[in-house]
Amino acid sequence: MKEKIHPKFYTDCKVTCGCGNTFITGSTKPELRVDVCSKCHPFYTGQQRSVAARGRIEKFNKRYNVESK
């Protein structure tokens, strides 16, 4: 590897999420701020499936009520 062309690597990079969760990782920046993390992202929390199902249920109820009139 060539010398003096690579950025400095920080092994103790503090990552702060919008939900308040913090954790330590490695990065080329000493501190990172992110909008979503694995604690609040719908895919990892399992809420994505319920949100999608909720929309289908509302759509079914709306269609059922319209047809029953």
N, C-alpha and C. Protein backbone atom coordinates (compact mmCIF):
# COMPACT_ATOMS: atom_id res chain seq x y z
N MET A 1 0.83 -1.19 0.00
CA MET A 1 0.00 0.00 0.00
C MET A 1 0.87 1.25 0.00
N LYS A 2 0.41 2.25 -0.71
CA LYS A 2 1.14 3.51 -0.72
C LYS A 2 0.92 4.24 0.61
N GLU A 3 1.94 4.95 1.02
CA GLU A 3 1.84 5.69 2.27
C GLU A 3 1.26 7.08 2.01
N LYS A 4 0.60 7.61 3.02
CA LYS A 4 0.07 8.98 3.05
C LYS A 4 -1.04 9.25 2.02
N ILE A 5 -1.74 8.21 1.54
CA ILE A 5 -2.89 8.46 0.66
C ILE A 5 -4.19 7.96 1.28
N HIS A 6 -4.10 7.22 2.36
CA HIS A 6 -5.29 6.65 2.99
C HIS A 6 -5.76 7.55 4.14
N PRO A 7 -7.08 7.69 4.32
CA PRO A 7 -7.57 8.51 5.44
C PRO A 7 -7.32 7.82 6.77
N LYS A 8 -7.26 8.60 7.82
CA LYS A 8 -7.07 8.04 9.16
C LYS A 8 -8.30 7.23 9.54
N PHE A 9 -8.09 6.05 10.13
CA PHE A 9 -9.19 5.17 10.54
C PHE A 9 -9.34 5.25 12.05
N TYR A 10 -10.54 5.62 12.50
CA TYR A 10 -10.84 5.71 13.92
C TYR A 10 -11.53 4.42 14.35
N THR A 11 -10.91 3.69 15.28
CA THR A 11 -11.52 2.44 15.74
C THR A 11 -12.63 2.69 16.75
N ASP A 12 -12.63 3.85 17.37
CA ASP A 12 -13.67 4.19 18.35
C ASP A 12 -14.53 5.34 17.84
N CYS A 13 -15.25 5.11 16.77
CA CYS A 13 -16.15 6.11 16.20
C CYS A 13 -17.49 6.00 16.92
N LYS A 14 -17.96 7.10 17.49
CA LYS A 14 -19.24 7.12 18.20
C LYS A 14 -20.34 7.45 17.20
N VAL A 15 -21.33 6.57 17.09
CA VAL A 15 -22.47 6.77 16.20
C VAL A 15 -23.68 7.11 17.06
N THR A 16 -24.36 8.21 16.72
CA THR A 16 -25.54 8.65 17.45
C THR A 16 -26.73 8.66 16.49
N CYS A 17 -27.80 7.98 16.88
CA CYS A 17 -29.01 7.90 16.06
C CYS A 17 -30.00 8.98 16.48
N GLY A 18 -30.94 9.28 15.62
CA GLY A 18 -31.99 10.24 15.92
C GLY A 18 -32.89 9.80 17.05
N CYS A 19 -32.98 8.48 17.29
CA CYS A 19 -33.82 7.97 18.37
C CYS A 19 -33.12 8.04 19.73
N GLY A 20 -31.82 8.38 19.73
CA GLY A 20 -31.09 8.49 20.98
C GLY A 20 -30.15 7.32 21.23
N ASN A 21 -30.19 6.30 20.42
CA ASN A 21 -29.31 5.14 20.57
C ASN A 21 -27.90 5.53 20.15
N THR A 22 -26.90 5.08 20.91
CA THR A 22 -25.51 5.31 20.56
C THR A 22 -24.76 3.99 20.59
N PHE A 23 -23.76 3.87 19.73
CA PHE A 23 -22.88 2.70 19.74
C PHE A 23 -21.54 3.08 19.14
N ILE A 24 -20.55 2.22 19.35
CA ILE A 24 -19.19 2.45 18.90
C ILE A 24 -18.88 1.51 17.74
N THR A 25 -18.24 2.06 16.70
CA THR A 25 -17.85 1.27 15.54
C THR A 25 -16.58 1.88 14.96
N GLY A 26 -16.10 1.36 13.86
CA GLY A 26 -14.93 1.90 13.19
C GLY A 26 -15.32 2.70 11.97
N SER A 27 -14.64 3.81 11.72
CA SER A 27 -14.96 4.66 10.58
C SER A 27 -13.79 5.59 10.28
N THR A 28 -13.87 6.28 9.18
CA THR A 28 -12.86 7.28 8.84
C THR A 28 -13.21 8.64 9.44
N LYS A 29 -14.32 8.72 10.16
CA LYS A 29 -14.71 9.95 10.85
C LYS A 29 -14.79 9.65 12.35
N PRO A 30 -14.44 10.60 13.20
CA PRO A 30 -14.46 10.33 14.65
C PRO A 30 -15.86 10.25 15.24
N GLU A 31 -16.85 10.88 14.59
CA GLU A 31 -18.22 10.87 15.12
C GLU A 31 -19.20 10.91 13.96
N LEU A 32 -20.28 10.11 14.06
CA LEU A 32 -21.31 10.06 13.02
C LEU A 32 -22.68 10.28 13.65
N ARG A 33 -23.57 10.93 12.90
CA ARG A 33 -24.96 11.08 13.30
C ARG A 33 -25.83 10.50 12.19
N VAL A 34 -26.74 9.59 12.56
CA VAL A 34 -27.59 8.92 11.58
C VAL A 34 -29.05 9.14 11.93
N ASP A 35 -29.93 8.97 10.94
CA ASP A 35 -31.36 9.16 11.15
C ASP A 35 -32.01 7.91 11.73
N VAL A 36 -31.65 6.75 11.24
CA VAL A 36 -32.23 5.50 11.70
C VAL A 36 -31.11 4.50 12.00
N CYS A 37 -31.39 3.61 12.95
CA CYS A 37 -30.45 2.55 13.30
C CYS A 37 -31.22 1.24 13.43
N SER A 38 -30.54 0.18 13.83
CA SER A 38 -31.20 -1.12 13.94
C SER A 38 -32.21 -1.16 15.09
N LYS A 39 -32.15 -0.22 16.01
CA LYS A 39 -33.10 -0.18 17.13
C LYS A 39 -34.42 0.48 16.74
N CYS A 40 -34.40 1.36 15.73
CA CYS A 40 -35.63 2.09 15.39
C CYS A 40 -36.09 1.88 13.95
N HIS A 41 -35.31 1.17 13.12
CA HIS A 41 -35.70 0.94 11.73
C HIS A 41 -36.83 -0.08 11.67
N PRO A 42 -37.90 0.17 10.91
CA PRO A 42 -39.04 -0.75 10.87
C PRO A 42 -38.69 -2.16 10.40
N PHE A 43 -37.73 -2.32 9.52
CA PHE A 43 -37.37 -3.65 9.04
C PHE A 43 -36.81 -4.51 10.16
N TYR A 44 -35.97 -3.92 11.02
CA TYR A 44 -35.33 -4.67 12.10
C TYR A 44 -36.22 -4.80 13.33
N THR A 45 -37.15 -3.88 13.53
CA THR A 45 -38.02 -3.97 14.70
C THR A 45 -39.24 -4.83 14.45
N GLY A 46 -39.50 -5.20 13.19
CA GLY A 46 -40.64 -6.05 12.87
C GLY A 46 -41.93 -5.28 12.69
N GLN A 47 -41.90 -3.97 12.72
CA GLN A 47 -43.11 -3.18 12.58
C GLN A 47 -43.47 -2.95 11.12
N GLN A 48 -42.55 -3.22 10.21
CA GLN A 48 -42.82 -3.02 8.80
C GLN A 48 -43.94 -3.94 8.33
N ARG A 49 -43.91 -5.17 8.76
CA ARG A 49 -44.93 -6.13 8.36
C ARG A 49 -46.30 -5.72 8.90
N SER A 50 -46.36 -5.27 10.15
CA SER A 50 -47.66 -4.89 10.72
C SER A 50 -48.20 -3.63 10.06
N VAL A 51 -47.33 -2.71 9.68
CA VAL A 51 -47.77 -1.50 9.01
C VAL A 51 -48.38 -1.86 7.65
N ALA A 52 -47.72 -2.76 6.92
CA ALA A 52 -48.23 -3.18 5.62
C ALA A 52 -49.57 -3.91 5.78
N ALA A 53 -49.67 -4.76 6.79
CA ALA A 53 -50.91 -5.49 7.04
C ALA A 53 -52.03 -4.53 7.44
N ARG A 54 -51.67 -3.54 8.23
CA ARG A 54 -52.66 -2.57 8.68
C ARG A 54 -53.27 -1.85 7.48
N GLY A 55 -52.46 -1.50 6.50
CA GLY A 55 -52.96 -0.83 5.31
C GLY A 55 -53.89 -1.72 4.51
N ARG A 56 -53.56 -3.02 4.42
CA ARG A 56 -54.41 -3.96 3.69
C ARG A 56 -55.74 -4.16 4.41
N ILE A 57 -55.70 -4.19 5.73
CA ILE A 57 -56.93 -4.36 6.52
C ILE A 57 -57.84 -3.16 6.33
N GLU A 58 -57.27 -1.95 6.39
CA GLU A 58 -58.07 -0.74 6.19
C GLU A 58 -58.66 -0.71 4.79
N LYS A 59 -57.87 -1.11 3.80
CA LYS A 59 -58.35 -1.15 2.43
C LYS A 59 -59.51 -2.15 2.29
N PHE A 60 -59.39 -3.31 2.94
CA PHE A 60 -60.45 -4.32 2.89
C PHE A 60 -61.71 -3.79 3.57
N ASN A 61 -61.55 -3.19 4.75
CA ASN A 61 -62.72 -2.66 5.48
C ASN A 61 -63.41 -1.55 4.69
N LYS A 62 -62.63 -0.70 4.05
CA LYS A 62 -63.20 0.38 3.27
C LYS A 62 -63.98 -0.20 2.09
N ARG A 63 -63.40 -1.14 1.42
CA ARG A 63 -64.08 -1.76 0.27
C ARG A 63 -65.32 -2.52 0.74
N TYR A 64 -65.23 -3.21 1.85
CA TYR A 64 -66.38 -3.97 2.36
C TYR A 64 -67.52 -3.04 2.73
N ASN A 65 -67.22 -1.93 3.41
CA ASN A 65 -68.27 -0.99 3.80
C ASN A 65 -68.90 -0.33 2.58
N VAL A 66 -68.15 -0.05 1.57
CA VAL A 66 -68.68 0.57 0.35
C VAL A 66 -69.60 -0.41 -0.37
N GLU A 67 -69.22 -1.66 -0.44
CA GLU A 67 -70.02 -2.66 -1.13
C GLU A 67 -71.30 -3.02 -0.38
N SER A 68 -71.28 -2.92 0.95
CA SER A 68 -72.44 -3.32 1.73
C SER A 68 -73.55 -2.27 1.73
N LYS A 69 -73.30 -1.06 1.26
CA LYS A 69 -74.30 0.00 1.27
C LYS A 69 -75.35 -0.19 0.22
